């Protein structure tokens, strides 16, 4: 399961000190192996359900060119 763990890639993309991972091992079907899955939680803003590769958007706001805002 370590080979498919998403945490190392997430930490390369986003090393926010406020982000906490909540791991789970879902099994898509009873006959398949379990898969590693993580949900991100922000201790600073108490937000859940955001893309951990990007972050919650409050601790480290995206530059306008990435956020879709026009200057």
PDB file of N, CA and C in Angstrom:
ATOM      1  N   UNK A   1       0.814  -1.194   0.000  1.00  0.00           N
ATOM      2  CA  UNK A   1       0.000   0.000   0.000  1.00  0.00           C
ATOM      3  C   UNK A   1       0.857   1.256   0.000  1.00  0.00           C
ATOM      4  N   UNK A   2       2.075   1.172   0.450  1.00  0.00           N
ATOM      5  CA  UNK A   2       2.940   2.355   0.493  1.00  0.00           C
ATOM      6  C   UNK A   2       3.233   2.900  -0.908  1.00  0.00           C
ATOM      7  N   UNK A   3       3.259   2.020  -1.896  1.00  0.00           N
ATOM      8  CA  UNK A   3       3.557   2.460  -3.261  1.00  0.00           C
ATOM      9  C   UNK A   3       2.470   3.365  -3.823  1.00  0.00           C
ATOM     10  N   UNK A   4       1.244   3.189  -3.379  1.00  0.00           N
ATOM     11  CA  UNK A   4       0.139   3.980  -3.911  1.00  0.00           C
ATOM     12  C   UNK A   4      -0.313   5.092  -2.962  1.00  0.00           C
ATOM     13  N   UNK A   5       0.422   5.320  -1.879  1.00  0.00           N
ATOM     14  CA  UNK A   5       0.043   6.349  -0.909  1.00  0.00           C
ATOM     15  C   UNK A   5       0.205   7.741  -1.527  1.00  0.00           C
ATOM     16  N   UNK A   6      -0.819   8.590  -1.454  1.00  0.00           N
ATOM     17  CA  UNK A   6      -0.744   9.918  -2.059  1.00  0.00           C
ATOM     18  C   UNK A   6      -0.021  10.960  -1.208  1.00  0.00           C
ATOM     19  N   UNK A   7       0.286  10.665   0.052  1.00  0.00           N
ATOM     20  CA  UNK A   7       0.839  11.669   0.959  1.00  0.00           C
ATOM     21  C   UNK A   7       2.187  12.234   0.496  1.00  0.00           C
ATOM     22  N   UNK A   8       3.167  11.449   0.053  1.00  0.00           N
ATOM     23  CA  UNK A   8       4.430  12.056  -0.383  1.00  0.00           C
ATOM     24  C   UNK A   8       4.260  13.058  -1.525  1.00  0.00           C
ATOM     25  N   UNK A   9       3.410  12.758  -2.481  1.00  0.00           N
ATOM     26  CA  UNK A   9       3.165  13.696  -3.582  1.00  0.00           C
ATOM     27  C   UNK A   9       2.461  14.955  -3.096  1.00  0.00           C
ATOM     28  N   UNK A  10       1.545  14.800  -2.159  1.00  0.00           N
ATOM     29  CA  UNK A  10       0.845  15.963  -1.611  1.00  0.00           C
ATOM     30  C   UNK A  10       1.828  16.867  -0.879  1.00  0.00           C
ATOM     31  N   UNK A  11       2.728  16.285  -0.098  1.00  0.00           N
ATOM     32  CA  UNK A  11       3.699  17.086   0.644  1.00  0.00           C
ATOM     33  C   UNK A  11       4.682  17.807  -0.272  1.00  0.00           C
ATOM     34  N   UNK A  12       4.959  17.240  -1.440  1.00  0.00           N
ATOM     35  CA  UNK A  12       5.799  17.940  -2.410  1.00  0.00           C
ATOM     36  C   UNK A  12       5.064  19.148  -2.996  1.00  0.00           C
ATOM     37  N   UNK A  13       3.759  19.030  -3.168  1.00  0.00           N
ATOM     38  CA  UNK A  13       2.958  20.112  -3.735  1.00  0.00           C
ATOM     39  C   UNK A  13       2.589  21.166  -2.708  1.00  0.00           C
ATOM     40  N   UNK A  14       2.314  20.749  -1.477  1.00  0.00           N
ATOM     41  CA  UNK A  14       1.794  21.665  -0.474  1.00  0.00           C
ATOM     42  C   UNK A  14       2.268  21.213   0.906  1.00  0.00           C
ATOM     43  N   UNK A  15       3.157  21.975   1.495  1.00  0.00           N
ATOM     44  CA  UNK A  15       3.701  21.626   2.811  1.00  0.00           C
ATOM     45  C   UNK A  15       3.167  22.562   3.891  1.00  0.00           C
ATOM     46  N   UNK A  16       1.897  22.927   3.798  1.00  0.00           N
ATOM     47  CA  UNK A  16       1.293  23.843   4.773  1.00  0.00           C
ATOM     48  C   UNK A  16       1.333  23.215   6.161  1.00  0.00           C
ATOM     49  N   UNK A  17       1.780  23.989   7.127  1.00  0.00           N
ATOM     50  CA  UNK A  17       1.902  23.475   8.492  1.00  0.00           C
ATOM     51  C   UNK A  17       0.552  23.282   9.179  1.00  0.00           C
ATOM     52  N   UNK A  18      -0.509  23.862   8.641  1.00  0.00           N
ATOM     53  CA  UNK A  18      -1.834  23.756   9.250  1.00  0.00           C
ATOM     54  C   UNK A  18      -2.644  22.572   8.720  1.00  0.00           C
ATOM     55  N   UNK A  19      -2.160  21.923   7.673  1.00  0.00           N
ATOM     56  CA  UNK A  19      -2.910  20.831   7.057  1.00  0.00           C
ATOM     57  C   UNK A  19      -2.656  19.514   7.793  1.00  0.00           C
ATOM     58  N   UNK A  20      -3.753  18.833   8.071  1.00  0.00           N
ATOM     59  CA  UNK A  20      -3.710  17.539   8.750  1.00  0.00           C
ATOM     60  C   UNK A  20      -4.383  16.533   7.828  1.00  0.00           C
ATOM     61  N   UNK A  21      -3.814  15.345   7.732  1.00  0.00           N
ATOM     62  CA  UNK A  21      -4.379  14.300   6.883  1.00  0.00           C
ATOM     63  C   UNK A  21      -5.198  13.331   7.718  1.00  0.00           C
ATOM     64  N   UNK A  22      -6.337  12.942   7.173  1.00  0.00           N
ATOM     65  CA  UNK A  22      -7.181  11.931   7.791  1.00  0.00           C
ATOM     66  C   UNK A  22      -7.212  10.731   6.849  1.00  0.00           C
ATOM     67  N   UNK A  23      -6.431   9.694   7.153  1.00  0.00           N
ATOM     68  CA  UNK A  23      -6.327   8.561   6.234  1.00  0.00           C
ATOM     69  C   UNK A  23      -7.511   7.609   6.343  1.00  0.00           C
ATOM     70  N   UNK A  24      -7.737   6.888   5.265  1.00  0.00           N
ATOM     71  CA  UNK A  24      -8.724   5.805   5.256  1.00  0.00           C
ATOM     72  C   UNK A  24      -8.253   4.744   4.261  1.00  0.00           C
ATOM     73  N   UNK A  25      -8.765   3.566   4.426  1.00  0.00           N
ATOM     74  CA  UNK A  25      -8.417   2.443   3.557  1.00  0.00           C
ATOM     75  C   UNK A  25      -9.684   1.848   2.954  1.00  0.00           C
ATOM     76  N   UNK A  26     -10.276   2.563   2.005  1.00  0.00           N
ATOM     77  CA  UNK A  26     -11.504   2.024   1.399  1.00  0.00           C
ATOM     78  C   UNK A  26     -11.211   0.845   0.481  1.00  0.00           C
ATOM     79  N   UNK A  27     -12.193   0.010   0.338  1.00  0.00           N
ATOM     80  CA  UNK A  27     -12.116  -1.126  -0.576  1.00  0.00           C
ATOM     81  C   UNK A  27     -13.238  -0.928  -1.587  1.00  0.00           C
ATOM     82  N   UNK A  28     -12.899  -0.569  -2.848  1.00  0.00           N
ATOM     83  CA  UNK A  28     -13.944  -0.258  -3.827  1.00  0.00           C
ATOM     84  C   UNK A  28     -14.933  -1.400  -4.046  1.00  0.00           C
ATOM     85  N   UNK A  29     -14.432  -2.597  -4.061  1.00  0.00           N
ATOM     86  CA  UNK A  29     -15.268  -3.787  -4.197  1.00  0.00           C
ATOM     87  C   UNK A  29     -14.712  -4.845  -3.248  1.00  0.00           C
ATOM     88  N   UNK A  30     -15.541  -5.735  -2.742  1.00  0.00           N
ATOM     89  CA  UNK A  30     -15.069  -6.720  -1.766  1.00  0.00           C
ATOM     90  C   UNK A  30     -13.906  -7.583  -2.255  1.00  0.00           C
ATOM     91  N   UNK A  31     -13.786  -7.781  -3.547  1.00  0.00           N
ATOM     92  CA  UNK A  31     -12.739  -8.667  -4.058  1.00  0.00           C
ATOM     93  C   UNK A  31     -11.456  -7.917  -4.438  1.00  0.00           C
ATOM     94  N   UNK A  32     -11.426  -6.583  -4.325  1.00  0.00           N
ATOM     95  CA  UNK A  32     -10.227  -5.801  -4.639  1.00  0.00           C
ATOM     96  C   UNK A  32      -9.469  -5.438  -3.370  1.00  0.00           C
ATOM     97  N   UNK A  33      -8.190  -5.106  -3.536  1.00  0.00           N
ATOM     98  CA  UNK A  33      -7.373  -4.695  -2.397  1.00  0.00           C
ATOM     99  C   UNK A  33      -7.798  -3.318  -1.903  1.00  0.00           C
ATOM    100  N   UNK A  34      -7.481  -3.059  -0.653  1.00  0.00           N
ATOM    101  CA  UNK A  34      -7.753  -1.743  -0.095  1.00  0.00           C
ATOM    102  C   UNK A  34      -6.851  -0.709  -0.764  1.00  0.00           C
ATOM    103  N   UNK A  35      -7.339   0.524  -0.828  1.00  0.00           N
ATOM    104  CA  UNK A  35      -6.567   1.613  -1.411  1.00  0.00           C
ATOM    105  C   UNK A  35      -6.395   2.707  -0.362  1.00  0.00           C
ATOM    106  N   UNK A  36      -5.239   3.344  -0.378  1.00  0.00           N
ATOM    107  CA  UNK A  36      -4.975   4.431   0.558  1.00  0.00           C
ATOM    108  C   UNK A  36      -5.654   5.695   0.041  1.00  0.00           C
ATOM    109  N   UNK A  37      -6.403   6.336   0.913  1.00  0.00           N
ATOM    110  CA  UNK A  37      -7.082   7.577   0.580  1.00  0.00           C
ATOM    111  C   UNK A  37      -6.894   8.545   1.743  1.00  0.00           C
ATOM    112  N   UNK A  38      -6.730   9.828   1.453  1.00  0.00           N
ATOM    113  CA  UNK A  38      -6.606  10.824   2.521  1.00  0.00           C
ATOM    114  C   UNK A  38      -7.555  11.991   2.267  1.00  0.00           C
ATOM    115  N   UNK A  39      -8.084  12.497   3.336  1.00  0.00           N
ATOM    116  CA  UNK A  39      -8.864  13.728   3.340  1.00  0.00           C
ATOM    117  C   UNK A  39      -8.007  14.762   4.057  1.00  0.00           C
ATOM    118  N   UNK A  40      -8.058  15.997   3.598  1.00  0.00           N
ATOM    119  CA  UNK A  40      -7.290  17.061   4.224  1.00  0.00           C
ATOM    120  C   UNK A  40      -8.187  17.884   5.135  1.00  0.00           C
ATOM    121  N   UNK A  41      -7.600  18.354   6.229  1.00  0.00           N
ATOM    122  CA  UNK A  41      -8.283  19.210   7.188  1.00  0.00           C
ATOM    123  C   UNK A  41      -7.329  20.338   7.553  1.00  0.00           C
ATOM    124  N   UNK A  42      -7.820  21.576   7.592  1.00  0.00           N
ATOM    125  CA  UNK A  42      -6.991  22.720   7.945  1.00  0.00           C
ATOM    126  C   UNK A  42      -7.269  23.100   9.397  1.00  0.00           C
ATOM    127  N   UNK A  43      -6.235  23.061  10.242  1.00  0.00           N
ATOM    128  CA  UNK A  43      -6.380  23.438  11.648  1.00  0.00           C
ATOM    129  C   UNK A  43      -6.646  24.930  11.818  1.00  0.00           C
ATOM    130  N   UNK A  44      -6.176  25.736  10.907  1.00  0.00           N
ATOM    131  CA  UNK A  44      -6.319  27.194  11.023  1.00  0.00           C
ATOM    132  C   UNK A  44      -7.741  27.648  10.682  1.00  0.00           C
ATOM    133  N   UNK A  45      -8.297  27.143   9.583  1.00  0.00           N
ATOM    134  CA  UNK A  45      -9.615  27.589   9.131  1.00  0.00           C
ATOM    135  C   UNK A  45     -10.728  26.590   9.423  1.00  0.00           C
ATOM    136  N   UNK A  46     -10.372  25.408   9.893  1.00  0.00           N
ATOM    137  CA  UNK A  46     -11.314  24.328  10.168  1.00  0.00           C
ATOM    138  C   UNK A  46     -12.114  23.904   8.943  1.00  0.00           C
ATOM    139  N   UNK A  47     -11.492  23.970   7.771  1.00  0.00           N
ATOM    140  CA  UNK A  47     -12.133  23.553   6.526  1.00  0.00           C
ATOM    141  C   UNK A  47     -11.767  22.112   6.201  1.00  0.00           C
ATOM    142  N   UNK A  48     -12.689  21.422   5.558  1.00  0.00           N
ATOM    143  CA  UNK A  48     -12.480  20.058   5.070  1.00  0.00           C
ATOM    144  C   UNK A  48     -12.901  20.004   3.614  1.00  0.00           C
ATOM    145  N   UNK A  49     -12.503  18.927   2.956  1.00  0.00           N
ATOM    146  CA  UNK A  49     -13.011  18.663   1.617  1.00  0.00           C
ATOM    147  C   UNK A  49     -12.340  19.433   0.498  1.00  0.00           C
ATOM    148  N   UNK A  50     -11.209  20.031   0.738  1.00  0.00           N
ATOM    149  CA  UNK A  50     -10.484  20.737  -0.325  1.00  0.00           C
ATOM    150  C   UNK A  50      -9.422  19.820  -0.912  1.00  0.00           C
ATOM    151  N   UNK A  51      -8.909  20.201  -2.061  1.00  0.00           N
ATOM    152  CA  UNK A  51      -7.858  19.419  -2.708  1.00  0.00           C
ATOM    153  C   UNK A  51      -6.556  19.624  -1.936  1.00  0.00           C
ATOM    154  N   UNK A  52      -6.005  18.583  -1.322  1.00  0.00           N
ATOM    155  CA  UNK A  52      -4.797  18.757  -0.515  1.00  0.00           C
ATOM    156  C   UNK A  52      -3.576  19.181  -1.328  1.00  0.00           C
ATOM    157  N   UNK A  53      -3.582  18.937  -2.630  1.00  0.00           N
ATOM    158  CA  UNK A  53      -2.460  19.378  -3.462  1.00  0.00           C
ATOM    159  C   UNK A  53      -2.432  20.896  -3.575  1.00  0.00           C
ATOM    160  N   UNK A  54      -3.581  21.540  -3.443  1.00  0.00           N
ATOM    161  CA  UNK A  54      -3.687  22.989  -3.589  1.00  0.00           C
ATOM    162  C   UNK A  54      -3.783  23.680  -2.236  1.00  0.00           C
ATOM    163  N   UNK A  55      -4.533  23.119  -1.310  1.00  0.00           N
ATOM    164  CA  UNK A  55      -4.723  23.727  -0.004  1.00  0.00           C
ATOM    165  C   UNK A  55      -6.107  24.331   0.123  1.00  0.00           C
ATOM    166  N   UNK A  56      -6.384  24.904   1.284  1.00  0.00           N
ATOM    167  CA  UNK A  56      -7.716  25.448   1.545  1.00  0.00           C
ATOM    168  C   UNK A  56      -7.920  26.808   0.896  1.00  0.00           C
ATOM    169  N   UNK A  57      -6.841  27.489   0.540  1.00  0.00           N
ATOM    170  CA  UNK A  57      -6.951  28.790  -0.102  1.00  0.00           C
ATOM    171  C   UNK A  57      -6.882  29.956   0.857  1.00  0.00           C
ATOM    172  N   UNK A  58      -6.857  29.711   2.151  1.00  0.00           N
ATOM    173  CA  UNK A  58      -6.808  30.784   3.136  1.00  0.00           C
ATOM    174  C   UNK A  58      -5.399  31.000   3.678  1.00  0.00           C
ATOM    175  N   UNK A  59      -4.678  29.939   3.942  1.00  0.00           N
ATOM    176  CA  UNK A  59      -3.338  30.059   4.521  1.00  0.00           C
ATOM    177  C   UNK A  59      -2.340  30.622   3.508  1.00  0.00           C
ATOM    178  N   UNK A  60      -2.417  30.140   2.305  1.00  0.00           N
ATOM    179  CA  UNK A  60      -1.515  30.551   1.229  1.00  0.00           C
ATOM    180  C   UNK A  60      -2.356  30.807  -0.008  1.00  0.00           C
ATOM    181  N   UNK A  61      -2.889  32.026  -0.151  1.00  0.00           N
ATOM    182  CA  UNK A  61      -3.759  32.290  -1.302  1.00  0.00           C
ATOM    183  C   UNK A  61      -3.022  32.123  -2.625  1.00  0.00           C
ATOM    184  N   UNK A  62      -3.760  31.667  -3.619  1.00  0.00           N
ATOM    185  CA  UNK A  62      -3.197  31.482  -4.954  1.00  0.00           C
ATOM    186  C   UNK A  62      -2.956  32.832  -5.615  1.00  0.00           C
ATOM    187  N   UNK A  63      -1.917  32.944  -6.429  1.00  0.00           N
ATOM    188  CA  UNK A  63      -1.725  34.160  -7.218  1.00  0.00           C
ATOM    189  C   UNK A  63      -2.894  34.329  -8.180  1.00  0.00           C
ATOM    190  N   UNK A  64      -3.190  35.561  -8.600  1.00  0.00           N
ATOM    191  CA  UNK A  64      -4.341  35.801  -9.479  1.00  0.00           C
ATOM    192  C   UNK A  64      -4.328  34.994 -10.765  1.00  0.00           C
ATOM    193  N   UNK A  65      -3.143  34.752 -11.340  1.00  0.00           N
ATOM    194  CA  UNK A  65      -3.094  34.001 -12.597  1.00  0.00           C
ATOM    195  C   UNK A  65      -3.511  32.542 -12.430  1.00  0.00           C
ATOM    196  N   UNK A  66      -3.417  32.007 -11.205  1.00  0.00           N
ATOM    197  CA  UNK A  66      -3.852  30.633 -10.957  1.00  0.00           C
ATOM    198  C   UNK A  66      -5.269  30.571 -10.423  1.00  0.00           C
ATOM    199  N   UNK A  67      -5.719  31.623  -9.775  1.00  0.00           N
ATOM    200  CA  UNK A  67      -7.052  31.626  -9.173  1.00  0.00           C
ATOM    201  C   UNK A  67      -8.136  31.966 -10.180  1.00  0.00           C
ATOM    202  N   UNK A  68      -7.752  32.415 -11.367  1.00  0.00           N
ATOM    203  CA  UNK A  68      -8.748  32.749 -12.384  1.00  0.00           C
ATOM    204  C   UNK A  68      -9.214  34.189 -12.308  1.00  0.00           C
ATOM    205  N   UNK A  69      -8.678  34.954 -11.367  1.00  0.00           N
ATOM    206  CA  UNK A  69      -9.030  36.369 -11.253  1.00  0.00           C
ATOM    207  C   UNK A  69      -8.250  37.161 -12.290  1.00  0.00           C
ATOM    208  N   UNK A  70      -8.904  38.128 -12.855  1.00  0.00           N
ATOM    209  CA  UNK A  70      -8.231  38.982 -13.825  1.00  0.00           C
ATOM    210  C   UNK A  70      -7.772  40.260 -13.140  1.00  0.00           C
ATOM    211  N   UNK A  71      -6.532  40.688 -13.381  1.00  0.00           N
ATOM    212  CA  UNK A  71      -6.026  41.894 -12.700  1.00  0.00           C
ATOM    213  C   UNK A  71      -6.729  43.144 -13.172  1.00  0.00           C
TER     214      UNK A  71
END
